[in-house]
Amino acid sequence: MKKFLLLLILSCLLASPAFAQYTAQKEAQYIATLKAVTDYKINDAENLKNVQKLREDARFNRRLSKMLEKLQNTRTKDSRNQRIYDILLKAGEEIYKELD
């Protein structure tokens, strides 16, 4: 019985890093899917003209730069960064499941 419990505890401890790795890979898949679909849709004929106008709009670009300054990839524990990441992850997951 003691050996069984020891094996059970060891298997749980060893499975935890494997599960974390699996979760990290799924998150990466969702984020990569979101980026790929976004890039694809930006170049869509219906969107390309308006996106090009935005790229040339200095006011929009300044505003966008200020918004992006609020984010940092090094501060993932920050609540704003975490909320944004969660939103992106959820959107990527939904798109991934829709297209899969």
PDB file of N, CA and C in Angstrom:
ATOM      1  N   MET A   1       0.822  -1.197   0.000  1.00  0.00           N
ATOM      2  CA  MET A   1       0.000   0.000   0.000  1.00  0.00           C
ATOM      3  C   MET A   1       0.865   1.260   0.000  1.00  0.00           C
ATOM      4  N   LYS A   2       1.954   1.242   0.800  1.00  0.00           N
ATOM      5  CA  LYS A   2       2.842   2.405   0.861  1.00  0.00           C
ATOM      6  C   LYS A   2       3.510   2.643  -0.489  1.00  0.00           C
ATOM      7  N   LYS A   3       3.881   1.533  -1.146  1.00  0.00           N
ATOM      8  CA  LYS A   3       4.514   1.661  -2.465  1.00  0.00           C
ATOM      9  C   LYS A   3       3.531   2.252  -3.472  1.00  0.00           C
ATOM     10  N   PHE A   4       2.288   1.807  -3.377  1.00  0.00           N
ATOM     11  CA  PHE A   4       1.264   2.330  -4.280  1.00  0.00           C
ATOM     12  C   PHE A   4       1.070   3.832  -4.082  1.00  0.00           C
ATOM     13  N   LEU A   5       0.974   4.269  -2.832  1.00  0.00           N
ATOM     14  CA  LEU A   5       0.811   5.696  -2.546  1.00  0.00           C
ATOM     15  C   LEU A   5       2.022   6.496  -3.007  1.00  0.00           C
ATOM     16  N   LEU A   6       3.215   5.929  -2.801  1.00  0.00           N
ATOM     17  CA  LEU A   6       4.429   6.601  -3.243  1.00  0.00           C
ATOM     18  C   LEU A   6       4.443   6.749  -4.763  1.00  0.00           C
ATOM     19  N   LEU A   7       4.073   5.692  -5.459  1.00  0.00           N
ATOM     20  CA  LEU A   7       3.999   5.750  -6.920  1.00  0.00           C
ATOM     21  C   LEU A   7       2.931   6.739  -7.392  1.00  0.00           C
ATOM     22  N   LEU A   8       1.823   6.761  -6.703  1.00  0.00           N
ATOM     23  CA  LEU A   8       0.751   7.687  -7.047  1.00  0.00           C
ATOM     24  C   LEU A   8       1.205   9.132  -6.870  1.00  0.00           C
ATOM     25  N   ILE A   9       1.857   9.425  -5.777  1.00  0.00           N
ATOM     26  CA  ILE A   9       2.356  10.774  -5.510  1.00  0.00           C
ATOM     27  C   ILE A   9       3.422  11.161  -6.536  1.00  0.00           C
ATOM     28  N   LEU A  10       4.340  10.250  -6.828  1.00  0.00           N
ATOM     29  CA  LEU A  10       5.383  10.527  -7.818  1.00  0.00           C
ATOM     30  C   LEU A  10       4.795  10.768  -9.205  1.00  0.00           C
ATOM     31  N   SER A  11       3.793   9.969  -9.574  1.00  0.00           N
ATOM     32  CA  SER A  11       3.182  10.158 -10.893  1.00  0.00           C
ATOM     33  C   SER A  11       2.468  11.506 -10.977  1.00  0.00           C
ATOM     34  N   CYS A  12       1.850  11.936  -9.894  1.00  0.00           N
ATOM     35  CA  CYS A  12       1.197  13.256  -9.879  1.00  0.00           C
ATOM     36  C   CYS A  12       2.224  14.367 -10.010  1.00  0.00           C
ATOM     37  N   LEU A  13       3.336  14.225  -9.320  1.00  0.00           N
ATOM     38  CA  LEU A  13       4.384  15.245  -9.381  1.00  0.00           C
ATOM     39  C   LEU A  13       5.022  15.307 -10.761  1.00  0.00           C
ATOM     40  N   LEU A  14       5.191  14.166 -11.384  1.00  0.00           N
ATOM     41  CA  LEU A  14       5.785  14.137 -12.716  1.00  0.00           C
ATOM     42  C   LEU A  14       4.801  14.591 -13.780  1.00  0.00           C
ATOM     43  N   ALA A  15       3.527  14.357 -13.568  1.00  0.00           N
ATOM     44  CA  ALA A  15       2.512  14.749 -14.542  1.00  0.00           C
ATOM     45  C   ALA A  15       2.283  16.252 -14.533  1.00  0.00           C
ATOM     46  N   SER A  16       2.500  16.891 -13.427  1.00  0.00           N
ATOM     47  CA  SER A  16       2.261  18.321 -13.319  1.00  0.00           C
ATOM     48  C   SER A  16       3.088  19.139 -14.313  1.00  0.00           C
ATOM     49  N   PRO A  17       4.412  18.918 -14.420  1.00  0.00           N
ATOM     50  CA  PRO A  17       5.178  19.656 -15.429  1.00  0.00           C
ATOM     51  C   PRO A  17       4.733  19.318 -16.854  1.00  0.00           C
ATOM     52  N   ALA A  18       4.352  18.070 -17.085  1.00  0.00           N
ATOM     53  CA  ALA A  18       3.881  17.687 -18.414  1.00  0.00           C
ATOM     54  C   ALA A  18       2.597  18.425 -18.753  1.00  0.00           C
ATOM     55  N   PHE A  19       1.699  18.548 -17.782  1.00  0.00           N
ATOM     56  CA  PHE A  19       0.454  19.272 -18.006  1.00  0.00           C
ATOM     57  C   PHE A  19       0.726  20.749 -18.254  1.00  0.00           C
ATOM     58  N   ALA A  20       1.651  21.325 -17.507  1.00  0.00           N
ATOM     59  CA  ALA A  20       2.010  22.734 -17.693  1.00  0.00           C
ATOM     60  C   ALA A  20       2.591  22.950 -19.086  1.00  0.00           C
ATOM     61  N   GLN A  21       3.416  22.025 -19.547  1.00  0.00           N
ATOM     62  CA  GLN A  21       3.992  22.116 -20.889  1.00  0.00           C
ATOM     63  C   GLN A  21       2.900  22.022 -21.946  1.00  0.00           C
ATOM     64  N   TYR A  22       1.955  21.099 -21.749  1.00  0.00           N
ATOM     65  CA  TYR A  22       0.837  20.941 -22.667  1.00  0.00           C
ATOM     66  C   TYR A  22       0.007  22.219 -22.720  1.00  0.00           C
ATOM     67  N   THR A  23      -0.270  22.794 -21.564  1.00  0.00           N
ATOM     68  CA  THR A  23      -1.046  24.031 -21.489  1.00  0.00           C
ATOM     69  C   THR A  23      -0.318  25.164 -22.193  1.00  0.00           C
ATOM     70  N   ALA A  24       0.969  25.282 -21.978  1.00  0.00           N
ATOM     71  CA  ALA A  24       1.757  26.334 -22.624  1.00  0.00           C
ATOM     72  C   ALA A  24       1.744  26.159 -24.141  1.00  0.00           C
ATOM     73  N   GLN A  25       1.805  24.925 -24.605  1.00  0.00           N
ATOM     74  CA  GLN A  25       1.759  24.675 -26.049  1.00  0.00           C
ATOM     75  C   GLN A  25       0.395  25.045 -26.629  1.00  0.00           C
ATOM     76  N   LYS A  26      -0.676  24.731 -25.904  1.00  0.00           N
ATOM     77  CA  LYS A  26      -2.010  25.091 -26.377  1.00  0.00           C
ATOM     78  C   LYS A  26      -2.164  26.609 -26.441  1.00  0.00           C
ATOM     79  N   GLU A  27      -1.682  27.305 -25.409  1.00  0.00           N
ATOM     80  CA  GLU A  27      -1.742  28.766 -25.405  1.00  0.00           C
ATOM     81  C   GLU A  27      -0.969  29.332 -26.588  1.00  0.00           C
ATOM     82  N   ALA A  28       0.193  28.782 -26.861  1.00  0.00           N
ATOM     83  CA  ALA A  28       0.996  29.238 -27.997  1.00  0.00           C
ATOM     84  C   ALA A  28       0.254  28.993 -29.312  1.00  0.00           C
ATOM     85  N   GLN A  29      -0.425  27.861 -29.419  1.00  0.00           N
ATOM     86  CA  GLN A  29      -1.213  27.566 -30.619  1.00  0.00           C
ATOM     87  C   GLN A  29      -2.310  28.606 -30.814  1.00  0.00           C
ATOM     88  N   TYR A  30      -2.990  28.950 -29.732  1.00  0.00           N
ATOM     89  CA  TYR A  30      -4.092  29.899 -29.833  1.00  0.00           C
ATOM     90  C   TYR A  30      -3.591  31.289 -30.214  1.00  0.00           C
ATOM     91  N   ILE A  31      -2.501  31.722 -29.608  1.00  0.00           N
ATOM     92  CA  ILE A  31      -1.948  33.041 -29.925  1.00  0.00           C
ATOM     93  C   ILE A  31      -1.443  33.066 -31.368  1.00  0.00           C
ATOM     94  N   ALA A  32      -0.767  32.001 -31.797  1.00  0.00           N
ATOM     95  CA  ALA A  32      -0.260  31.934 -33.175  1.00  0.00           C
ATOM     96  C   ALA A  32      -1.408  31.911 -34.176  1.00  0.00           C
ATOM     97  N   THR A  33      -2.481  31.193 -33.843  1.00  0.00           N
ATOM     98  CA  THR A  33      -3.659  31.155 -34.712  1.00  0.00           C
ATOM     99  C   THR A  33      -4.282  32.539 -34.828  1.00  0.00           C
ATOM    100  N   LEU A  34      -4.397  33.224 -33.698  1.00  0.00           N
ATOM    101  CA  LEU A  34      -4.967  34.567 -33.699  1.00  0.00           C
ATOM    102  C   LEU A  34      -4.150  35.501 -34.595  1.00  0.00           C
ATOM    103  N   LYS A  35      -2.834  35.446 -34.473  1.00  0.00           N
ATOM    104  CA  LYS A  35      -1.972  36.310 -35.289  1.00  0.00           C
ATOM    105  C   LYS A  35      -2.096  35.972 -36.776  1.00  0.00           C
ATOM    106  N   ALA A  36      -2.088  34.687 -37.099  1.00  0.00           N
ATOM    107  CA  ALA A  36      -2.180  34.272 -38.499  1.00  0.00           C
ATOM    108  C   ALA A  36      -3.505  34.708 -39.120  1.00  0.00           C
ATOM    109  N   VAL A  37      -4.600  34.519 -38.399  1.00  0.00           N
ATOM    110  CA  VAL A  37      -5.912  34.897 -38.921  1.00  0.00           C
ATOM    111  C   VAL A  37      -6.017  36.421 -39.028  1.00  0.00           C
ATOM    112  N   THR A  38      -5.487  37.135 -38.038  1.00  0.00           N
ATOM    113  CA  THR A  38      -5.504  38.595 -38.089  1.00  0.00           C
ATOM    114  C   THR A  38      -4.720  39.099 -39.289  1.00  0.00           C
ATOM    115  N   ASP A  39      -3.527  38.573 -39.500  1.00  0.00           N
ATOM    116  CA  ASP A  39      -2.727  38.964 -40.665  1.00  0.00           C
ATOM    117  C   ASP A  39      -3.470  38.669 -41.962  1.00  0.00           C
ATOM    118  N   TYR A  40      -4.107  37.514 -42.009  1.00  0.00           N
ATOM    119  CA  TYR A  40      -4.852  37.112 -43.200  1.00  0.00           C
ATOM    120  C   TYR A  40      -6.018  38.065 -43.470  1.00  0.00           C
ATOM    121  N   LYS A  41      -6.773  38.392 -42.422  1.00  0.00           N
ATOM    122  CA  LYS A  41      -7.943  39.255 -42.589  1.00  0.00           C
ATOM    123  C   LYS A  41      -7.558  40.713 -42.853  1.00  0.00           C
ATOM    124  N   ILE A  42      -6.428  41.169 -42.331  1.00  0.00           N
ATOM    125  CA  ILE A  42      -5.982  42.536 -42.619  1.00  0.00           C
ATOM    126  C   ILE A  42      -5.708  42.687 -44.109  1.00  0.00           C
ATOM    127  N   ASN A  43      -5.201  41.634 -44.727  1.00  0.00           N
ATOM    128  CA  ASN A  43      -4.890  41.686 -46.155  1.00  0.00           C
ATOM    129  C   ASN A  43      -6.079  41.327 -47.031  1.00  0.00           C
ATOM    130  N   ASP A  44      -7.228  41.115 -46.435  1.00  0.00           N
ATOM    131  CA  ASP A  44      -8.449  40.857 -47.174  1.00  0.00           C
ATOM    132  C   ASP A  44      -8.790  42.095 -48.002  1.00  0.00           C
ATOM    133  N   ALA A  45      -9.287  41.895 -49.191  1.00  0.00           N
ATOM    134  CA  ALA A  45      -9.575  43.010 -50.095  1.00  0.00           C
ATOM    135  C   ALA A  45     -10.527  44.027 -49.471  1.00  0.00           C
ATOM    136  N   GLU A  46     -11.483  43.560 -48.669  1.00  0.00           N
ATOM    137  CA  GLU A  46     -12.445  44.463 -48.045  1.00  0.00           C
ATOM    138  C   GLU A  46     -11.808  45.322 -46.956  1.00  0.00           C
ATOM    139  N   ASN A  47     -10.810  44.801 -46.285  1.00  0.00           N
ATOM    140  CA  ASN A  47     -10.191  45.511 -45.169  1.00  0.00           C
ATOM    141  C   ASN A  47      -8.946  46.290 -45.549  1.00  0.00           C
ATOM    142  N   LEU A  48      -8.258  45.882 -46.600  1.00  0.00           N
ATOM    143  CA  LEU A  48      -6.950  46.428 -46.929  1.00  0.00           C
ATOM    144  C   LEU A  48      -6.975  47.944 -47.134  1.00  0.00           C
ATOM    145  N   LYS A  49      -7.984  48.442 -47.809  1.00  0.00           N
ATOM    146  CA  LYS A  49      -8.075  49.879 -48.071  1.00  0.00           C
ATOM    147  C   LYS A  49      -8.191  50.666 -46.761  1.00  0.00           C
ATOM    148  N   ASN A  50      -9.062  50.229 -45.877  1.00  0.00           N
ATOM    149  CA  ASN A  50      -9.241  50.927 -44.600  1.00  0.00           C
ATOM    150  C   ASN A  50      -8.031  50.781 -43.687  1.00  0.00           C
ATOM    151  N   VAL A  51      -7.409  49.627 -43.716  1.00  0.00           N
ATOM    152  CA  VAL A  51      -6.201  49.420 -42.906  1.00  0.00           C
ATOM    153  C   VAL A  51      -5.090  50.334 -43.409  1.00  0.00           C
ATOM    154  N   GLN A  52      -4.967  50.464 -44.708  1.00  0.00           N
ATOM    155  CA  GLN A  52      -3.940  51.348 -45.278  1.00  0.00           C
ATOM    156  C   GLN A  52      -4.187  52.795 -44.863  1.00  0.00           C
ATOM    157  N   LYS A  53      -5.438  53.213 -44.838  1.00  0.00           N
ATOM    158  CA  LYS A  53      -5.762  54.568 -44.380  1.00  0.00           C
ATOM    159  C   LYS A  53      -5.343  54.760 -42.932  1.00  0.00           C
ATOM    160  N   LEU A  54      -5.602  53.757 -42.102  1.00  0.00           N
ATOM    161  CA  LEU A  54      -5.198  53.841 -40.691  1.00  0.00           C
ATOM    162  C   LEU A  54      -3.681  53.900 -40.544  1.00  0.00           C
ATOM    163  N   ARG A  55      -2.970  53.159 -41.359  1.00  0.00           N
ATOM    164  CA  ARG A  55      -1.507  53.171 -41.301  1.00  0.00           C
ATOM    165  C   ARG A  55      -0.953  54.553 -41.623  1.00  0.00           C
ATOM    166  N   GLU A  56      -1.672  55.295 -42.447  1.00  0.00           N
ATOM    167  CA  GLU A  56      -1.227  56.630 -42.840  1.00  0.00           C
ATOM    168  C   GLU A  56      -1.759  57.724 -41.919  1.00  0.00           C
ATOM    169  N   ASP A  57      -2.660  57.366 -41.017  1.00  0.00           N
ATOM    170  CA  ASP A  57      -3.275  58.324 -40.106  1.00  0.00           C
ATOM    171  C   ASP A  57      -2.356  58.565 -38.906  1.00  0.00           C
ATOM    172  N   ALA A  58      -1.708  59.725 -38.879  1.00  0.00           N
ATOM    173  CA  ALA A  58      -0.738  60.040 -37.821  1.00  0.00           C
ATOM    174  C   ALA A  58      -1.403  60.066 -36.447  1.00  0.00           C
ATOM    175  N   ARG A  59      -2.596  60.614 -36.376  1.00  0.00           N
ATOM    176  CA  ARG A  59      -3.305  60.684 -35.087  1.00  0.00           C
ATOM    177  C   ARG A  59      -3.584  59.289 -34.532  1.00  0.00           C
ATOM    178  N   PHE A  60      -4.072  58.410 -35.397  1.00  0.00           N
ATOM    179  CA  PHE A  60      -4.335  57.032 -34.975  1.00  0.00           C
ATOM    180  C   PHE A  60      -3.043  56.345 -34.532  1.00  0.00           C
ATOM    181  N   ASN A  61      -1.980  56.538 -35.288  1.00  0.00           N
ATOM    182  CA  ASN A  61      -0.705  55.899 -34.958  1.00  0.00           C
ATOM    183  C   ASN A  61      -0.152  56.374 -33.618  1.00  0.00           C
ATOM    184  N   ARG A  62      -0.301  57.672 -33.332  1.00  0.00           N
ATOM    185  CA  ARG A  62       0.127  58.185 -32.025  1.00  0.00           C
ATOM    186  C   ARG A  62      -0.705  57.566 -30.909  1.00  0.00           C
ATOM    187  N   ARG A  63      -1.989  57.523 -31.112  1.00  0.00           N
ATOM    188  CA  ARG A  63      -2.889  56.937 -30.102  1.00  0.00           C
ATOM    189  C   ARG A  63      -2.576  55.461 -29.885  1.00  0.00           C
ATOM    190  N   LEU A  64      -2.365  54.734 -30.961  1.00  0.00           N
ATOM    191  CA  LEU A  64      -2.036  53.320 -30.872  1.00  0.00           C
ATOM    192  C   LEU A  64      -0.709  53.106 -30.145  1.00  0.00           C
ATOM    193  N   SER A  65       0.260  53.947 -30.430  1.00  0.00           N
ATOM    194  CA  SER A  65       1.556  53.858 -29.744  1.00  0.00           C
ATOM    195  C   SER A  65       1.401  54.076 -28.250  1.00  0.00           C
ATOM    196  N   LYS A  66       0.576  55.054 -27.870  1.00  0.00           N
ATOM    197  CA  LYS A  66       0.341  55.300 -26.446  1.00  0.00           C
ATOM    198  C   LYS A  66      -0.348  54.110 -25.792  1.00  0.00           C
ATOM    199  N   MET A  67      -1.264  53.495 -26.499  1.00  0.00           N
ATOM    200  CA  MET A  67      -1.943  52.320 -25.952  1.00  0.00           C
ATOM    201  C   MET A  67      -0.959  51.169 -25.767  1.00  0.00           C
ATOM    202  N   LEU A  68      -0.097  50.972 -26.755  1.00  0.00           N
ATOM    203  CA  LEU A  68       0.853  49.865 -26.674  1.00  0.00           C
ATOM    204  C   LEU A  68       1.911  50.091 -25.601  1.00  0.00           C
ATOM    205  N   GLU A  69       2.187  51.347 -25.279  1.00  0.00           N
ATOM    206  CA  GLU A  69       3.146  51.636 -24.214  1.00  0.00           C
ATOM    207  C   GLU A  69       2.654  51.140 -22.852  1.00  0.00           C
ATOM    208  N   LYS A  70       1.357  50.946 -22.743  1.00  0.00           N
ATOM    209  CA  LYS A  70       0.791  50.458 -21.483  1.00  0.00           C
ATOM    210  C   LYS A  70       1.029  48.962 -21.286  1.00  0.00           C
ATOM    211  N   LEU A  71       1.474  48.301 -22.344  1.00  0.00           N
ATOM    212  CA  LEU A  71       1.726  46.867 -22.278  1.00  0.00           C
ATOM    213  C   LEU A  71       3.218  46.595 -22.226  1.00  0.00           C
ATOM    214  N   GLN A  72       3.577  45.547 -21.547  1.00  0.00           N
ATOM    215  CA  GLN A  72       4.959  45.087 -21.525  1.00  0.00           C
ATOM    216  C   GLN A  72       4.957  43.571 -21.495  1.00  0.00           C
ATOM    217  N   ASN A  73       5.758  42.981 -22.343  1.00  0.00           N
ATOM    218  CA  ASN A  73       5.851  41.522 -22.344  1.00  0.00           C
ATOM    219  C   ASN A  73       6.607  40.995 -21.135  1.00  0.00           C
ATOM    220  N   THR A  74       7.367  41.846 -20.482  1.00  0.00           N
ATOM    221  CA  THR A  74       8.147  41.386 -19.338  1.00  0.00           C
ATOM    222  C   THR A  74       7.339  41.413 -18.045  1.00  0.00           C
ATOM    223  N   ARG A  75       6.185  42.090 -18.042  1.00  0.00           N
ATOM    224  CA  ARG A  75       5.374  42.196 -16.823  1.00  0.00           C
ATOM    225  C   ARG A  75       4.085  41.408 -16.981  1.00  0.00           C
ATOM    226  N   THR A  76       4.175  40.117 -17.210  1.00  0.00           N
ATOM    227  CA  THR A  76       2.963  39.327 -17.437  1.00  0.00           C
ATOM    228  C   THR A  76       2.108  39.211 -16.187  1.00  0.00           C
ATOM    229  N   LYS A  77       2.682  39.467 -15.024  1.00  0.00           N
ATOM    230  CA  LYS A  77       1.906  39.391 -13.790  1.00  0.00           C
ATOM    231  C   LYS A  77       1.064  40.651 -13.571  1.00  0.00           C
ATOM    232  N   ASP A  78       1.359  41.714 -14.275  1.00  0.00           N
ATOM    233  CA  ASP A  78       0.591  42.944 -14.183  1.00  0.00           C
ATOM    234  C   ASP A  78      -0.852  42.649 -14.579  1.00  0.00           C
ATOM    235  N   SER A  79      -1.806  43.206 -13.854  1.00  0.00           N
ATOM    236  CA  SER A  79      -3.212  42.866 -14.086  1.00  0.00           C
ATOM    237  C   SER A  79      -3.691  43.265 -15.478  1.00  0.00           C
ATOM    238  N   ARG A  80      -3.259  44.423 -15.975  1.00  0.00           N
ATOM    239  CA  ARG A  80      -3.682  44.842 -17.320  1.00  0.00           C
ATOM    240  C   ARG A  80      -3.102  43.888 -18.363  1.00  0.00           C
ATOM    241  N   ASN A  81      -1.825  43.598 -18.261  1.00  0.00           N
ATOM    242  CA  ASN A  81      -1.207  42.680 -19.208  1.00  0.00           C
ATOM    243  C   ASN A  81      -1.890  41.315 -19.158  1.00  0.00           C
ATOM    244  N   GLN A  82      -2.217  40.851 -17.986  1.00  0.00           N
ATOM    245  CA  GLN A  82      -2.859  39.545 -17.842  1.00  0.00           C
ATOM    246  C   GLN A  82      -4.259  39.561 -18.443  1.00  0.00           C
ATOM    247  N   ARG A  83      -5.009  40.638 -18.236  1.00  0.00           N
ATOM    248  CA  ARG A  83      -6.355  40.737 -18.823  1.00  0.00           C
ATOM    249  C   ARG A  83      -6.275  40.740 -20.345  1.00  0.00           C
ATOM    250  N   ILE A  84      -5.344  41.516 -20.894  1.00  0.00           N
ATOM    251  CA  ILE A  84      -5.191  41.570 -22.354  1.00  0.00           C
ATOM    252  C   ILE A  84      -4.795  40.198 -22.888  1.00  0.00           C
ATOM    253  N   TYR A  85      -3.855  39.545 -22.214  1.00  0.00           N
ATOM    254  CA  TYR A  85      -3.422  38.214 -22.632  1.00  0.00           C
ATOM    255  C   TYR A  85      -4.591  37.233 -22.603  1.00  0.00           C
ATOM    256  N   ASP A  86      -5.397  37.294 -21.561  1.00  0.00           N
ATOM    257  CA  ASP A  86      -6.550  36.404 -21.442  1.00  0.00           C
ATOM    258  C   ASP A  86      -7.558  36.640 -22.562  1.00  0.00           C
ATOM    259  N   ILE A  87      -7.773  37.909 -22.914  1.00  0.00           N
ATOM    260  CA  ILE A  87      -8.682  38.243 -24.019  1.00  0.00           C
ATOM    261  C   ILE A  87      -8.154  37.669 -25.326  1.00  0.00           C
ATOM    262  N   LEU A  88      -6.861  37.869 -25.579  1.00  0.00           N
ATOM    263  CA  LEU A  88      -6.251  37.351 -26.804  1.00  0.00           C
ATOM    264  C   LEU A  88      -6.294  35.832 -26.845  1.00  0.00           C
ATOM    265  N   LEU A  89      -6.012  35.214 -25.723  1.00  0.00           N
ATOM    266  CA  LEU A  89      -6.015  33.767 -25.643  1.00  0.00           C
ATOM    267  C   LEU A  89      -7.403  33.205 -25.912  1.00  0.00           C
ATOM    268  N   LYS A  90      -8.420  33.831 -25.330  1.00  0.00           N
ATOM    269  CA  LYS A  90      -9.796  33.368 -25.536  1.00  0.00           C
ATOM    270  C   LYS A  90     -10.206  33.530 -27.005  1.00  0.00           C
ATOM    271  N   ALA A  91      -9.858  34.666 -27.593  1.00  0.00           N
ATOM    272  CA  ALA A  91     -10.189  34.884 -29.005  1.00  0.00           C
ATOM    273  C   ALA A  91      -9.465  33.872 -29.887  1.00  0.00           C
ATOM    274  N   GLY A  92      -8.195  33.639 -29.603  1.00  0.00           N
ATOM    275  CA  GLY A  92      -7.432  32.655 -30.376  1.00  0.00           C
ATOM    276  C   GLY A  92      -8.002  31.258 -30.241  1.00  0.00           C
ATOM    277  N   GLU A  93      -8.416  30.905 -29.031  1.00  0.00           N
ATOM    278  CA  GLU A  93      -9.004  29.585 -28.800  1.00  0.00           C
ATOM    279  C   GLU A  93     -10.311  29.436 -29.574  1.00  0.00           C
ATOM    280  N   GLU A  94     -11.151  30.458 -29.548  1.00  0.00           N
ATOM    281  CA  GLU A  94     -12.421  30.394 -30.273  1.00  0.00           C
ATOM    282  C   GLU A  94     -12.192  30.259 -31.776  1.00  0.00           C
ATOM    283  N   ILE A  95     -11.249  31.037 -32.309  1.00  0.00           N
ATOM    284  CA  ILE A  95     -10.948  30.956 -33.735  1.00  0.00           C
ATOM    285  C   ILE A  95     -10.368  29.588 -34.085  1.00  0.00           C
ATOM    286  N   TYR A  96      -9.444  29.114 -33.250  1.00  0.00           N
ATOM    287  CA  TYR A  96      -8.825  27.813 -33.475  1.00  0.00           C
ATOM    288  C   TYR A  96      -9.892  26.721 -33.542  1.00  0.00           C
ATOM    289  N   LYS A  97     -10.813  26.737 -32.584  1.00  0.00           N
ATOM    290  CA  LYS A  97     -11.867  25.713 -32.548  1.00  0.00           C
ATOM    291  C   LYS A  97     -12.834  25.864 -33.724  1.00  0.00           C
ATOM    292  N   GLU A  98     -13.098  27.099 -34.120  1.00  0.00           N
ATOM    293  CA  GLU A  98     -14.001  27.346 -35.260  1.00  0.00           C
ATOM    294  C   GLU A  98     -13.405  26.823 -36.560  1.00  0.00           C
ATOM    295  N   LEU A  99     -12.105  26.998 -36.736  1.00  0.00           N
ATOM    296  CA  LEU A  99     -11.457  26.611 -37.990  1.00  0.00           C
ATOM    297  C   LEU A  99     -10.983  25.160 -38.011  1.00  0.00           C
ATOM    298  N   ASP A 100     -10.844  24.550 -36.842  1.00  0.00           N
ATOM    299  CA  ASP A 100     -10.318  23.187 -36.760  1.00  0.00           C
ATOM    300  C   ASP A 100     -11.306  22.163 -37.262  1.00  0.00           C
TER     301      ASP A 100
END
